[in-house]
Amino acid sequence: MLAPGSHDTPAIARIIKNSSSKNGYSYASAKKELEEHIPVGRLGLAEELASLAAWMLSPHSGYITGQTISHDGGAISGVFG
């Protein structure tokens, strides 16, 4: 299972735009604030998530079973991360 975080897509752009206008921020400052809460310091790219999905559907992931893979730039920390 894939667990995507925030990715630089039109959908997140709408969320940032709505949040910025609602709170009186510029789009750039609202996006920057969101990115500051992501340990890698940026939004993910749709291509990065697609690459992971393609790998999971390929024979190369044949030994992976029953896992949830977070694709969130480190935003979620668990027992091992």
PDB file of N, CA and C in Angstrom:
ATOM      1  N   MET A   1       0.844  -1.166   0.000  1.00  0.00           N
ATOM      2  CA  MET A   1       0.000   0.000   0.000  1.00  0.00           C
ATOM      3  C   MET A   1       0.895   1.236   0.000  1.00  0.00           C
ATOM      4  N   LEU A   2       0.509   2.224  -0.752  1.00  0.00           N
ATOM      5  CA  LEU A   2       1.229   3.494  -0.762  1.00  0.00           C
ATOM      6  C   LEU A   2       0.515   4.490   0.146  1.00  0.00           C
ATOM      7  N   ALA A   3       1.301   5.232   0.903  1.00  0.00           N
ATOM      8  CA  ALA A   3       0.767   6.271   1.782  1.00  0.00           C
ATOM      9  C   ALA A   3       1.428   7.594   1.381  1.00  0.00           C
ATOM     10  N   PRO A   4       0.844   8.289   0.383  1.00  0.00           N
ATOM     11  CA  PRO A   4       1.475   9.519  -0.088  1.00  0.00           C
ATOM     12  C   PRO A   4       1.277  10.686   0.867  1.00  0.00           C
ATOM     13  N   GLY A   5       2.297  11.500   0.950  1.00  0.00           N
ATOM     14  CA  GLY A   5       2.207  12.757   1.679  1.00  0.00           C
ATOM     15  C   GLY A   5       1.843  13.856   0.701  1.00  0.00           C
ATOM     16  N   SER A   6       2.295  15.067   0.963  1.00  0.00           N
ATOM     17  CA  SER A   6       1.993  16.203   0.094  1.00  0.00           C
ATOM     18  C   SER A   6       2.918  16.194  -1.123  1.00  0.00           C
ATOM     19  N   HIS A   7       2.300  16.228  -2.295  1.00  0.00           N
ATOM     20  CA  HIS A   7       3.037  16.237  -3.553  1.00  0.00           C
ATOM     21  C   HIS A   7       2.659  17.487  -4.347  1.00  0.00           C
ATOM     22  N   ASP A   8       3.578  17.953  -5.144  1.00  0.00           N
ATOM     23  CA  ASP A   8       3.394  19.167  -5.942  1.00  0.00           C
ATOM     24  C   ASP A   8       2.479  18.866  -7.126  1.00  0.00           C
ATOM     25  N   THR A   9       1.187  18.927  -6.861  1.00  0.00           N
ATOM     26  CA  THR A   9       0.157  18.635  -7.861  1.00  0.00           C
ATOM     27  C   THR A   9      -0.856  19.771  -7.872  1.00  0.00           C
ATOM     28  N   PRO A  10      -1.708  19.825  -8.897  1.00  0.00           N
ATOM     29  CA  PRO A  10      -2.751  20.862  -8.910  1.00  0.00           C
ATOM     30  C   PRO A  10      -3.661  20.804  -7.676  1.00  0.00           C
ATOM     31  N   ALA A  11      -3.889  19.612  -7.147  1.00  0.00           N
ATOM     32  CA  ALA A  11      -4.753  19.485  -5.969  1.00  0.00           C
ATOM     33  C   ALA A  11      -4.138  20.169  -4.749  1.00  0.00           C
ATOM     34  N   ILE A  12      -2.842  19.945  -4.496  1.00  0.00           N
ATOM     35  CA  ILE A  12      -2.201  20.591  -3.344  1.00  0.00           C
ATOM     36  C   ILE A  12      -2.070  22.086  -3.588  1.00  0.00           C
ATOM     37  N   ALA A  13      -1.890  22.478  -4.846  1.00  0.00           N
ATOM     38  CA  ALA A  13      -1.818  23.913  -5.172  1.00  0.00           C
ATOM     39  C   ALA A  13      -3.132  24.602  -4.800  1.00  0.00           C
ATOM     40  N   ARG A  14      -4.261  23.946  -5.048  1.00  0.00           N
ATOM     41  CA  ARG A  14      -5.563  24.510  -4.661  1.00  0.00           C
ATOM     42  C   ARG A  14      -5.685  24.625  -3.145  1.00  0.00           C
ATOM     43  N   ILE A  15      -5.206  23.625  -2.433  1.00  0.00           N
ATOM     44  CA  ILE A  15      -5.254  23.653  -0.969  1.00  0.00           C
ATOM     45  C   ILE A  15      -4.392  24.790  -0.435  1.00  0.00           C
ATOM     46  N   ILE A  16      -3.197  24.946  -0.992  1.00  0.00           N
ATOM     47  CA  ILE A  16      -2.305  26.029  -0.560  1.00  0.00           C
ATOM     48  C   ILE A  16      -2.940  27.381  -0.878  1.00  0.00           C
ATOM     49  N   LYS A  17      -3.517  27.506  -2.067  1.00  0.00           N
ATOM     50  CA  LYS A  17      -4.153  28.766  -2.463  1.00  0.00           C
ATOM     51  C   LYS A  17      -5.310  29.111  -1.531  1.00  0.00           C
ATOM     52  N   ASN A  18      -6.159  28.146  -1.237  1.00  0.00           N
ATOM     53  CA  ASN A  18      -7.292  28.388  -0.337  1.00  0.00           C
ATOM     54  C   ASN A  18      -6.810  28.757   1.063  1.00  0.00           C
ATOM     55  N   SER A  19      -5.811  28.041   1.556  1.00  0.00           N
ATOM     56  CA  SER A  19      -5.274  28.315   2.881  1.00  0.00           C
ATOM     57  C   SER A  19      -4.645  29.700   2.944  1.00  0.00           C
ATOM     58  N   SER A  20      -3.900  30.071   1.904  1.00  0.00           N
ATOM     59  CA  SER A  20      -3.230  31.369   1.908  1.00  0.00           C
ATOM     60  C   SER A  20      -4.231  32.513   1.869  1.00  0.00           C
ATOM     61  N   SER A  21      -5.259  32.388   1.039  1.00  0.00           N
ATOM     62  CA  SER A  21      -6.243  33.479   0.978  1.00  0.00           C
ATOM     63  C   SER A  21      -7.086  33.549   2.248  1.00  0.00           C
ATOM     64  N   LYS A  22      -7.384  32.398   2.828  1.00  0.00           N
ATOM     65  CA  LYS A  22      -8.166  32.345   4.065  1.00  0.00           C
ATOM     66  C   LYS A  22      -7.415  32.967   5.237  1.00  0.00           C
ATOM     67  N   ASN A  23      -6.085  32.757   5.271  1.00  0.00           N
ATOM     68  CA  ASN A  23      -5.274  33.223   6.395  1.00  0.00           C
ATOM     69  C   ASN A  23      -4.508  34.510   6.114  1.00  0.00           C
ATOM     70  N   GLY A  24      -4.701  35.086   4.924  1.00  0.00           N
ATOM     71  CA  GLY A  24      -4.054  36.349   4.599  1.00  0.00           C
ATOM     72  C   GLY A  24      -2.570  36.252   4.287  1.00  0.00           C
ATOM     73  N   TYR A  25      -2.108  35.070   3.856  1.00  0.00           N
ATOM     74  CA  TYR A  25      -0.711  34.873   3.472  1.00  0.00           C
ATOM     75  C   TYR A  25      -0.601  34.922   1.960  1.00  0.00           C
ATOM     76  N   SER A  26       0.617  35.119   1.486  1.00  0.00           N
ATOM     77  CA  SER A  26       0.849  34.962   0.053  1.00  0.00           C
ATOM     78  C   SER A  26       0.927  33.461  -0.235  1.00  0.00           C
ATOM     79  N   TYR A  27       0.714  33.095  -1.479  1.00  0.00           N
ATOM     80  CA  TYR A  27       0.814  31.695  -1.873  1.00  0.00           C
ATOM     81  C   TYR A  27       2.204  31.160  -1.542  1.00  0.00           C
ATOM     82  N   ALA A  28       3.235  31.940  -1.876  1.00  0.00           N
ATOM     83  CA  ALA A  28       4.619  31.510  -1.652  1.00  0.00           C
ATOM     84  C   ALA A  28       4.905  31.261  -0.175  1.00  0.00           C
ATOM     85  N   SER A  29       4.423  32.126   0.695  1.00  0.00           N
ATOM     86  CA  SER A  29       4.701  31.933   2.121  1.00  0.00           C
ATOM     87  C   SER A  29       3.910  30.748   2.679  1.00  0.00           C
ATOM     88  N   ALA A  30       2.700  30.528   2.180  1.00  0.00           N
ATOM     89  CA  ALA A  30       1.917  29.370   2.630  1.00  0.00           C
ATOM     90  C   ALA A  30       2.573  28.066   2.180  1.00  0.00           C
ATOM     91  N   LYS A  31       3.084  28.057   0.939  1.00  0.00           N
ATOM     92  CA  LYS A  31       3.771  26.859   0.437  1.00  0.00           C
ATOM     93  C   LYS A  31       5.054  26.625   1.237  1.00  0.00           C
ATOM     94  N   LYS A  32       5.791  27.695   1.502  1.00  0.00           N
ATOM     95  CA  LYS A  32       7.033  27.579   2.272  1.00  0.00           C
ATOM     96  C   LYS A  32       6.760  27.013   3.664  1.00  0.00           C
ATOM     97  N   GLU A  33       5.694  27.492   4.296  1.00  0.00           N
ATOM     98  CA  GLU A  33       5.340  26.994   5.630  1.00  0.00           C
ATOM     99  C   GLU A  33       5.029  25.500   5.592  1.00  0.00           C
ATOM    100  N   LEU A  34       4.301  25.073   4.573  1.00  0.00           N
ATOM    101  CA  LEU A  34       3.995  23.646   4.423  1.00  0.00           C
ATOM    102  C   LEU A  34       5.283  22.849   4.250  1.00  0.00           C
ATOM    103  N   GLU A  35       6.176  23.337   3.397  1.00  0.00           N
ATOM    104  CA  GLU A  35       7.424  22.626   3.128  1.00  0.00           C
ATOM    105  C   GLU A  35       8.336  22.572   4.347  1.00  0.00           C
ATOM    106  N   GLU A  36       8.238  23.554   5.222  1.00  0.00           N
ATOM    107  CA  GLU A  36       9.057  23.558   6.435  1.00  0.00           C
ATOM    108  C   GLU A  36       8.687  22.431   7.392  1.00  0.00           C
ATOM    109  N   HIS A  37       7.487  21.875   7.243  1.00  0.00           N
ATOM    110  CA  HIS A  37       7.052  20.768   8.096  1.00  0.00           C
ATOM    111  C   HIS A  37       7.396  19.406   7.489  1.00  0.00           C
ATOM    112  N   ILE A  38       8.039  19.422   6.332  1.00  0.00           N
ATOM    113  CA  ILE A  38       8.463  18.188   5.675  1.00  0.00           C
ATOM    114  C   ILE A  38       9.979  18.090   5.860  1.00  0.00           C
ATOM    115  N   PRO A  39      10.467  17.042   6.503  1.00  0.00           N
ATOM    116  CA  PRO A  39      11.897  16.956   6.796  1.00  0.00           C
ATOM    117  C   PRO A  39      12.832  17.151   5.604  1.00  0.00           C
ATOM    118  N   VAL A  40      12.466  16.694   4.410  1.00  0.00           N
ATOM    119  CA  VAL A  40      13.338  16.900   3.256  1.00  0.00           C
ATOM    120  C   VAL A  40      13.228  18.319   2.702  1.00  0.00           C
ATOM    121  N   GLY A  41      12.286  19.107   3.207  1.00  0.00           N
ATOM    122  CA  GLY A  41      12.192  20.519   2.875  1.00  0.00           C
ATOM    123  C   GLY A  41      11.512  20.874   1.572  1.00  0.00           C
ATOM    124  N   ARG A  42      10.755  19.939   1.007  1.00  0.00           N
ATOM    125  CA  ARG A  42      10.050  20.226  -0.243  1.00  0.00           C
ATOM    126  C   ARG A  42       8.861  19.294  -0.398  1.00  0.00           C
ATOM    127  N   LEU A  43       7.990  19.645  -1.323  1.00  0.00           N
ATOM    128  CA  LEU A  43       6.889  18.758  -1.678  1.00  0.00           C
ATOM    129  C   LEU A  43       7.431  17.630  -2.547  1.00  0.00           C
ATOM    130  N   GLY A  44       6.767  16.502  -2.514  1.00  0.00           N
ATOM    131  CA  GLY A  44       7.143  15.399  -3.387  1.00  0.00           C
ATOM    132  C   GLY A  44       6.730  15.689  -4.816  1.00  0.00           C
ATOM    133  N   LEU A  45       7.296  14.961  -5.730  1.00  0.00           N
ATOM    134  CA  LEU A  45       6.933  15.082  -7.136  1.00  0.00           C
ATOM    135  C   LEU A  45       6.050  13.904  -7.519  1.00  0.00           C
ATOM    136  N   ALA A  46       5.062  14.168  -8.359  1.00  0.00           N
ATOM    137  CA  ALA A  46       4.163  13.101  -8.803  1.00  0.00           C
ATOM    138  C   ALA A  46       4.955  11.981  -9.472  1.00  0.00           C
ATOM    139  N   GLU A  47       6.012  12.347 -10.190  1.00  0.00           N
ATOM    140  CA  GLU A  47       6.841  11.356 -10.874  1.00  0.00           C
ATOM    141  C   GLU A  47       7.529  10.421  -9.881  1.00  0.00           C
ATOM    142  N   GLU A  48       7.884  10.943  -8.725  1.00  0.00           N
ATOM    143  CA  GLU A  48       8.526  10.113  -7.705  1.00  0.00           C
ATOM    144  C   GLU A  48       7.546   9.072  -7.164  1.00  0.00           C
ATOM    145  N   LEU A  49       6.322   9.493  -6.923  1.00  0.00           N
ATOM    146  CA  LEU A  49       5.300   8.559  -6.438  1.00  0.00           C
ATOM    147  C   LEU A  49       4.966   7.539  -7.519  1.00  0.00           C
ATOM    148  N   ALA A  50       4.862   7.991  -8.768  1.00  0.00           N
ATOM    149  CA  ALA A  50       4.564   7.078  -9.877  1.00  0.00           C
ATOM    150  C   ALA A  50       5.664   6.038 -10.034  1.00  0.00           C
ATOM    151  N   SER A  51       6.910   6.459  -9.840  1.00  0.00           N
ATOM    152  CA  SER A  51       8.036   5.537  -9.937  1.00  0.00           C
ATOM    153  C   SER A  51       7.946   4.445  -8.871  1.00  0.00           C
ATOM    154  N   LEU A  52       7.576   4.840  -7.655  1.00  0.00           N
ATOM    155  CA  LEU A  52       7.410   3.854  -6.582  1.00  0.00           C
ATOM    156  C   LEU A  52       6.263   2.901  -6.909  1.00  0.00           C
ATOM    157  N   ALA A  53       5.161   3.440  -7.413  1.00  0.00           N
ATOM    158  CA  ALA A  53       4.017   2.590  -7.766  1.00  0.00           C
ATOM    159  C   ALA A  53       4.401   1.603  -8.865  1.00  0.00           C
ATOM    160  N   ALA A  54       5.138   2.074  -9.869  1.00  0.00           N
ATOM    161  CA  ALA A  54       5.567   1.188 -10.955  1.00  0.00           C
ATOM    162  C   ALA A  54       6.470   0.083 -10.417  1.00  0.00           C
ATOM    163  N   TRP A  55       7.371   0.440  -9.499  1.00  0.00           N
ATOM    164  CA  TRP A  55       8.246  -0.573  -8.899  1.00  0.00           C
ATOM    165  C   TRP A  55       7.427  -1.605  -8.131  1.00  0.00           C
ATOM    166  N   MET A  56       6.437  -1.124  -7.376  1.00  0.00           N
ATOM    167  CA  MET A  56       5.619  -2.050  -6.579  1.00  0.00           C
ATOM    168  C   MET A  56       4.838  -3.018  -7.464  1.00  0.00           C
ATOM    169  N   LEU A  57       4.498  -2.573  -8.677  1.00  0.00           N
ATOM    170  CA  LEU A  57       3.762  -3.434  -9.604  1.00  0.00           C
ATOM    171  C   LEU A  57       4.680  -4.318 -10.445  1.00  0.00           C
ATOM    172  N   SER A  58       5.973  -4.114 -10.327  1.00  0.00           N
ATOM    173  CA  SER A  58       6.928  -4.873 -11.135  1.00  0.00           C
ATOM    174  C   SER A  58       7.363  -6.149 -10.410  1.00  0.00           C
ATOM    175  N   PRO A  59       7.999  -7.035 -11.150  1.00  0.00           N
ATOM    176  CA  PRO A  59       8.537  -8.248 -10.523  1.00  0.00           C
ATOM    177  C   PRO A  59       9.631  -7.951  -9.487  1.00  0.00           C
ATOM    178  N   HIS A  60      10.246  -6.771  -9.547  1.00  0.00           N
ATOM    179  CA  HIS A  60      11.316  -6.409  -8.614  1.00  0.00           C
ATOM    180  C   HIS A  60      10.833  -6.306  -7.163  1.00  0.00           C
ATOM    181  N   SER A  61       9.536  -6.147  -6.972  1.00  0.00           N
ATOM    182  CA  SER A  61       9.012  -6.035  -5.605  1.00  0.00           C
ATOM    183  C   SER A  61       8.363  -7.339  -5.144  1.00  0.00           C
ATOM    184  N   GLY A  62       8.700  -8.417  -5.801  1.00  0.00           N
ATOM    185  CA  GLY A  62       8.069  -9.706  -5.548  1.00  0.00           C
ATOM    186  C   GLY A  62       8.171 -10.233  -4.120  1.00  0.00           C
ATOM    187  N   TYR A  63       9.151  -9.760  -3.362  1.00  0.00           N
ATOM    188  CA  TYR A  63       9.329 -10.266  -2.002  1.00  0.00           C
ATOM    189  C   TYR A  63       8.725  -9.326  -0.970  1.00  0.00           C
ATOM    190  N   ILE A  64       8.098  -8.268  -1.414  1.00  0.00           N
ATOM    191  CA  ILE A  64       7.445  -7.302  -0.524  1.00  0.00           C
ATOM    192  C   ILE A  64       6.003  -7.763  -0.307  1.00  0.00           C
ATOM    193  N   THR A  65       5.639  -7.938   0.943  1.00  0.00           N
ATOM    194  CA  THR A  65       4.267  -8.336   1.258  1.00  0.00           C
ATOM    195  C   THR A  65       3.774  -7.574   2.477  1.00  0.00           C
ATOM    196  N   GLY A  66       2.510  -7.207   2.463  1.00  0.00           N
ATOM    197  CA  GLY A  66       1.866  -6.632   3.641  1.00  0.00           C
ATOM    198  C   GLY A  66       2.516  -5.380   4.188  1.00  0.00           C
ATOM    199  N   GLN A  67       2.998  -4.502   3.335  1.00  0.00           N
ATOM    200  CA  GLN A  67       3.686  -3.296   3.788  1.00  0.00           C
ATOM    201  C   GLN A  67       2.919  -2.041   3.377  1.00  0.00           C
ATOM    202  N   THR A  68       3.037  -1.017   4.165  1.00  0.00           N
ATOM    203  CA  THR A  68       2.592   0.317   3.789  1.00  0.00           C
ATOM    204  C   THR A  68       3.850   1.152   3.650  1.00  0.00           C
ATOM    205  N   ILE A  69       4.054   1.695   2.478  1.00  0.00           N
ATOM    206  CA  ILE A  69       5.242   2.497   2.217  1.00  0.00           C
ATOM    207  C   ILE A  69       4.826   3.965   2.191  1.00  0.00           C
ATOM    208  N   SER A  70       5.346   4.718   3.143  1.00  0.00           N
ATOM    209  CA  SER A  70       5.057   6.148   3.210  1.00  0.00           C
ATOM    210  C   SER A  70       5.960   6.884   2.228  1.00  0.00           C
ATOM    211  N   HIS A  71       5.353   7.719   1.423  1.00  0.00           N
ATOM    212  CA  HIS A  71       6.091   8.523   0.444  1.00  0.00           C
ATOM    213  C   HIS A  71       5.802   9.976   0.796  1.00  0.00           C
ATOM    214  N   ASP A  72       6.451  10.436   1.876  1.00  0.00           N
ATOM    215  CA  ASP A  72       6.066  11.725   2.452  1.00  0.00           C
ATOM    216  C   ASP A  72       7.238  12.606   2.855  1.00  0.00           C
ATOM    217  N   GLY A  73       8.424  12.285   2.371  1.00  0.00           N
ATOM    218  CA  GLY A  73       9.587  13.105   2.692  1.00  0.00           C
ATOM    219  C   GLY A  73       9.981  13.079   4.160  1.00  0.00           C
ATOM    220  N   GLY A  74       9.536  12.060   4.879  1.00  0.00           N
ATOM    221  CA  GLY A  74       9.888  11.931   6.288  1.00  0.00           C
ATOM    222  C   GLY A  74       8.898  12.578   7.241  1.00  0.00           C
ATOM    223  N   ALA A  75       7.743  13.020   6.739  1.00  0.00           N
ATOM    224  CA  ALA A  75       6.767  13.708   7.581  1.00  0.00           C
ATOM    225  C   ALA A  75       6.194  12.813   8.678  1.00  0.00           C
ATOM    226  N   ILE A  76       6.029  11.547   8.378  1.00  0.00           N
ATOM    227  CA  ILE A  76       5.508  10.592   9.364  1.00  0.00           C
ATOM    228  C   ILE A  76       6.688   9.855   9.961  1.00  0.00           C
ATOM    229  N   SER A  77       6.783   9.861  11.274  1.00  0.00           N
ATOM    230  CA  SER A  77       7.837   9.064  11.901  1.00  0.00           C
ATOM    231  C   SER A  77       7.177   7.963  12.706  1.00  0.00           C
ATOM    232  N   GLY A  78       7.759   6.822  12.615  1.00  0.00           N
ATOM    233  CA  GLY A  78       7.199   5.677  13.326  1.00  0.00           C
ATOM    234  C   GLY A  78       8.246   5.060  14.223  1.00  0.00           C
ATOM    235  N   VAL A  79       8.033   3.817  14.557  1.00  0.00           N
ATOM    236  CA  VAL A  79       8.930   3.098  15.460  1.00  0.00           C
ATOM    237  C   VAL A  79      10.347   3.044  14.897  1.00  0.00           C
ATOM    238  N   PHE A  80      10.471   2.859  13.588  1.00  0.00           N
ATOM    239  CA  PHE A  80      11.791   2.681  12.969  1.00  0.00           C
ATOM    240  C   PHE A  80      12.268   3.922  12.209  1.00  0.00           C
ATOM    241  N   GLY A  81      11.560   5.043  12.297  1.00  0.00           N
ATOM    242  CA  GLY A  81      12.015   6.173  11.510  1.00  0.00           C
ATOM    243  C   GLY A  81      11.547   7.491  12.026  1.00  0.00           C
TER     244      GLY A  81
END
